[in-house]
Amino acid sequence: IIFLIFFLSGATGLIYEIAWAGMLRTVFGSSTLAIVTVLTSFMAGLALGSFYLGRVATRTDNPLRLYAWLETGIGIYAPVLISVFAGLDAVYFFTWRPG
């Protein structure tokens, strides 16, 4: 069951990346820049997470519980960020309105 959880976690991460790249395409006007931004953010998150949480993960009694809490945080954060991007459409319109 743990392998299934890891598989679903990875699939969900890919879905989030595709959704964020689509939303950032409206910001940058280019899918190349949007994808580069998403991948850079993803890699930076991996690096920062391993730097700050690497020692915590090795000292914890139950690493699977820590992983579950991190996944829960991502599960809460990702839809909120998607809602924030959707709410920014009006800001984009007034900021980048052709004049």
C-alpha atoms as a PDB file:
ATOM      1  CA  ILE A   1       0.000   0.000   0.000  1.00  0.00           C
ATOM      2  CA  ILE A   2       2.951   2.345   0.604  1.00  0.00           C
ATOM      3  CA  PHE A   3       4.063   1.946  -3.019  1.00  0.00           C
ATOM      4  CA  LEU A   4       0.550   2.878  -4.153  1.00  0.00           C
ATOM      5  CA  ILE A   5       0.673   5.985  -1.953  1.00  0.00           C
ATOM      6  CA  PHE A   6       4.042   6.992  -3.454  1.00  0.00           C
ATOM      7  CA  PHE A   7       2.697   6.398  -6.967  1.00  0.00           C
ATOM      8  CA  LEU A   8      -0.394   8.512  -6.327  1.00  0.00           C
ATOM      9  CA  SER A   9       1.765  11.227  -4.751  1.00  0.00           C
ATOM     10  CA  GLY A  10       3.955  11.406  -7.852  1.00  0.00           C
ATOM     11  CA  ALA A  11       0.963  11.415 -10.183  1.00  0.00           C
ATOM     12  CA  THR A  12      -0.635  14.209  -8.198  1.00  0.00           C
ATOM     13  CA  GLY A  13       2.610  16.185  -8.349  1.00  0.00           C
ATOM     14  CA  LEU A  14       2.662  15.887 -12.141  1.00  0.00           C
ATOM     15  CA  ILE A  15      -0.953  17.033 -12.331  1.00  0.00           C
ATOM     16  CA  TYR A  16      -0.127  20.075 -10.195  1.00  0.00           C
ATOM     17  CA  GLU A  17       2.865  20.891 -12.395  1.00  0.00           C
ATOM     18  CA  ILE A  18       0.717  20.774 -15.533  1.00  0.00           C
ATOM     19  CA  ALA A  19      -1.968  22.943 -13.925  1.00  0.00           C
ATOM     20  CA  TRP A  20       0.559  25.516 -12.694  1.00  0.00           C
ATOM     21  CA  ALA A  21       2.320  25.614 -16.072  1.00  0.00           C
ATOM     22  CA  GLY A  22      -1.025  26.307 -17.745  1.00  0.00           C
ATOM     23  CA  MET A  23      -1.811  29.116 -15.338  1.00  0.00           C
ATOM     24  CA  LEU A  24       1.671  30.629 -15.605  1.00  0.00           C
ATOM     25  CA  ARG A  25       1.359  30.592 -19.393  1.00  0.00           C
ATOM     26  CA  THR A  26      -1.243  33.355 -19.034  1.00  0.00           C
ATOM     27  CA  VAL A  27       1.239  35.353 -16.953  1.00  0.00           C
ATOM     28  CA  PHE A  28       4.283  34.943 -19.192  1.00  0.00           C
ATOM     29  CA  GLY A  29       2.541  34.521 -22.528  1.00  0.00           C
ATOM     30  CA  SER A  30       4.833  31.600 -23.312  1.00  0.00           C
ATOM     31  CA  SER A  31       4.584  27.971 -22.332  1.00  0.00           C
ATOM     32  CA  THR A  32       8.383  27.628 -22.395  1.00  0.00           C
ATOM     33  CA  LEU A  33       8.849  30.257 -19.696  1.00  0.00           C
ATOM     34  CA  ALA A  34       5.976  28.800 -17.686  1.00  0.00           C
ATOM     35  CA  ILE A  35       7.432  25.288 -17.759  1.00  0.00           C
ATOM     36  CA  VAL A  36      10.907  26.557 -16.887  1.00  0.00           C
ATOM     37  CA  THR A  37       9.449  28.440 -13.911  1.00  0.00           C
ATOM     38  CA  VAL A  38       7.536  25.387 -12.688  1.00  0.00           C
ATOM     39  CA  LEU A  39      10.529  23.061 -13.037  1.00  0.00           C
ATOM     40  CA  THR A  40      12.859  25.560 -11.379  1.00  0.00           C
ATOM     41  CA  SER A  41      10.441  25.948  -8.472  1.00  0.00           C
ATOM     42  CA  PHE A  42      10.099  22.178  -8.199  1.00  0.00           C
ATOM     43  CA  MET A  43      13.861  21.606  -8.135  1.00  0.00           C
ATOM     44  CA  ALA A  44      14.383  24.470  -5.675  1.00  0.00           C
ATOM     45  CA  GLY A  45      11.716  22.935  -3.443  1.00  0.00           C
ATOM     46  CA  LEU A  46      13.481  19.580  -3.538  1.00  0.00           C
ATOM     47  CA  ALA A  47      16.810  21.197  -2.669  1.00  0.00           C
ATOM     48  CA  LEU A  48      15.413  23.337   0.148  1.00  0.00           C
ATOM     49  CA  GLY A  49      13.360  20.460   1.503  1.00  0.00           C
ATOM     50  CA  SER A  50      16.343  18.143   1.635  1.00  0.00           C
ATOM     51  CA  PHE A  51      18.498  20.869   3.188  1.00  0.00           C
ATOM     52  CA  TYR A  52      16.050  21.863   5.917  1.00  0.00           C
ATOM     53  CA  LEU A  53      14.231  18.586   6.527  1.00  0.00           C
ATOM     54  CA  GLY A  54      16.992  16.081   5.823  1.00  0.00           C
ATOM     55  CA  ARG A  55      18.240  16.011   9.381  1.00  0.00           C
ATOM     56  CA  VAL A  56      14.711  16.018  10.769  1.00  0.00           C
ATOM     57  CA  ALA A  57      13.806  13.009   8.647  1.00  0.00           C
ATOM     58  CA  THR A  58      16.780  10.989   9.873  1.00  0.00           C
ATOM     59  CA  ARG A  59      16.009  11.755  13.535  1.00  0.00           C
ATOM     60  CA  THR A  60      12.277  11.073  13.453  1.00  0.00           C
ATOM     61  CA  ASP A  61      10.881   7.885  14.915  1.00  0.00           C
ATOM     62  CA  ASN A  62       8.280   7.494  12.186  1.00  0.00           C
ATOM     63  CA  PRO A  63       9.430   8.851   8.794  1.00  0.00           C
ATOM     64  CA  LEU A  64       6.221   7.684   7.146  1.00  0.00           C
ATOM     65  CA  ARG A  65       4.203   9.933   9.475  1.00  0.00           C
ATOM     66  CA  LEU A  66       6.458  12.882   8.606  1.00  0.00           C
ATOM     67  CA  TYR A  67       5.931  12.136   4.926  1.00  0.00           C
ATOM     68  CA  ALA A  68       2.164  11.999   5.477  1.00  0.00           C
ATOM     69  CA  TRP A  69       2.214  15.413   7.171  1.00  0.00           C
ATOM     70  CA  LEU A  70       4.270  16.892   4.348  1.00  0.00           C
ATOM     71  CA  GLU A  71       1.895  15.444   1.756  1.00  0.00           C
ATOM     72  CA  THR A  72      -1.059  16.819   3.698  1.00  0.00           C
ATOM     73  CA  GLY A  73       0.541  20.258   3.655  1.00  0.00           C
ATOM     74  CA  ILE A  74       1.083  20.025  -0.094  1.00  0.00           C
ATOM     75  CA  GLY A  75      -2.483  18.801  -0.519  1.00  0.00           C
ATOM     76  CA  ILE A  76      -3.759  21.904   1.269  1.00  0.00           C
ATOM     77  CA  TYR A  77      -1.302  24.340  -0.330  1.00  0.00           C
ATOM     78  CA  ALA A  78      -1.724  23.310  -3.978  1.00  0.00           C
ATOM     79  CA  PRO A  79      -5.481  23.918  -4.390  1.00  0.00           C
ATOM     80  CA  VAL A  80      -5.140  27.192  -2.473  1.00  0.00           C
ATOM     81  CA  LEU A  81      -2.413  28.314  -4.878  1.00  0.00           C
ATOM     82  CA  ILE A  82      -4.580  27.339  -7.848  1.00  0.00           C
ATOM     83  CA  SER A  83      -7.401  29.446  -6.393  1.00  0.00           C
ATOM     84  CA  VAL A  84      -5.005  32.365  -5.923  1.00  0.00           C
ATOM     85  CA  PHE A  85      -3.908  32.127  -9.566  1.00  0.00           C
ATOM     86  CA  ALA A  86      -7.547  32.027 -10.676  1.00  0.00           C
ATOM     87  CA  GLY A  87      -8.319  35.092  -8.565  1.00  0.00           C
ATOM     88  CA  LEU A  88      -5.436  37.015 -10.096  1.00  0.00           C
ATOM     89  CA  ASP A  89      -7.039  37.059 -13.559  1.00  0.00           C
ATOM     90  CA  ALA A  90      -8.667  40.409 -12.780  1.00  0.00           C
ATOM     91  CA  VAL A  91      -5.317  41.805 -11.640  1.00  0.00           C
ATOM     92  CA  TYR A  92      -3.684  40.623 -14.881  1.00  0.00           C
ATOM     93  CA  PHE A  93      -6.429  42.266 -16.895  1.00  0.00           C
ATOM     94  CA  PHE A  94      -6.046  45.687 -15.256  1.00  0.00           C
ATOM     95  CA  THR A  95      -2.239  45.518 -15.093  1.00  0.00           C
ATOM     96  CA  TRP A  96      -1.543  44.356 -18.631  1.00  0.00           C
ATOM     97  CA  ARG A  97      -4.496  45.933 -20.402  1.00  0.00           C
ATOM     98  CA  PRO A  98      -3.506  47.042 -23.899  1.00  0.00           C
ATOM     99  CA  GLY A  99      -3.640  50.739 -24.020  1.00  0.00           C
END
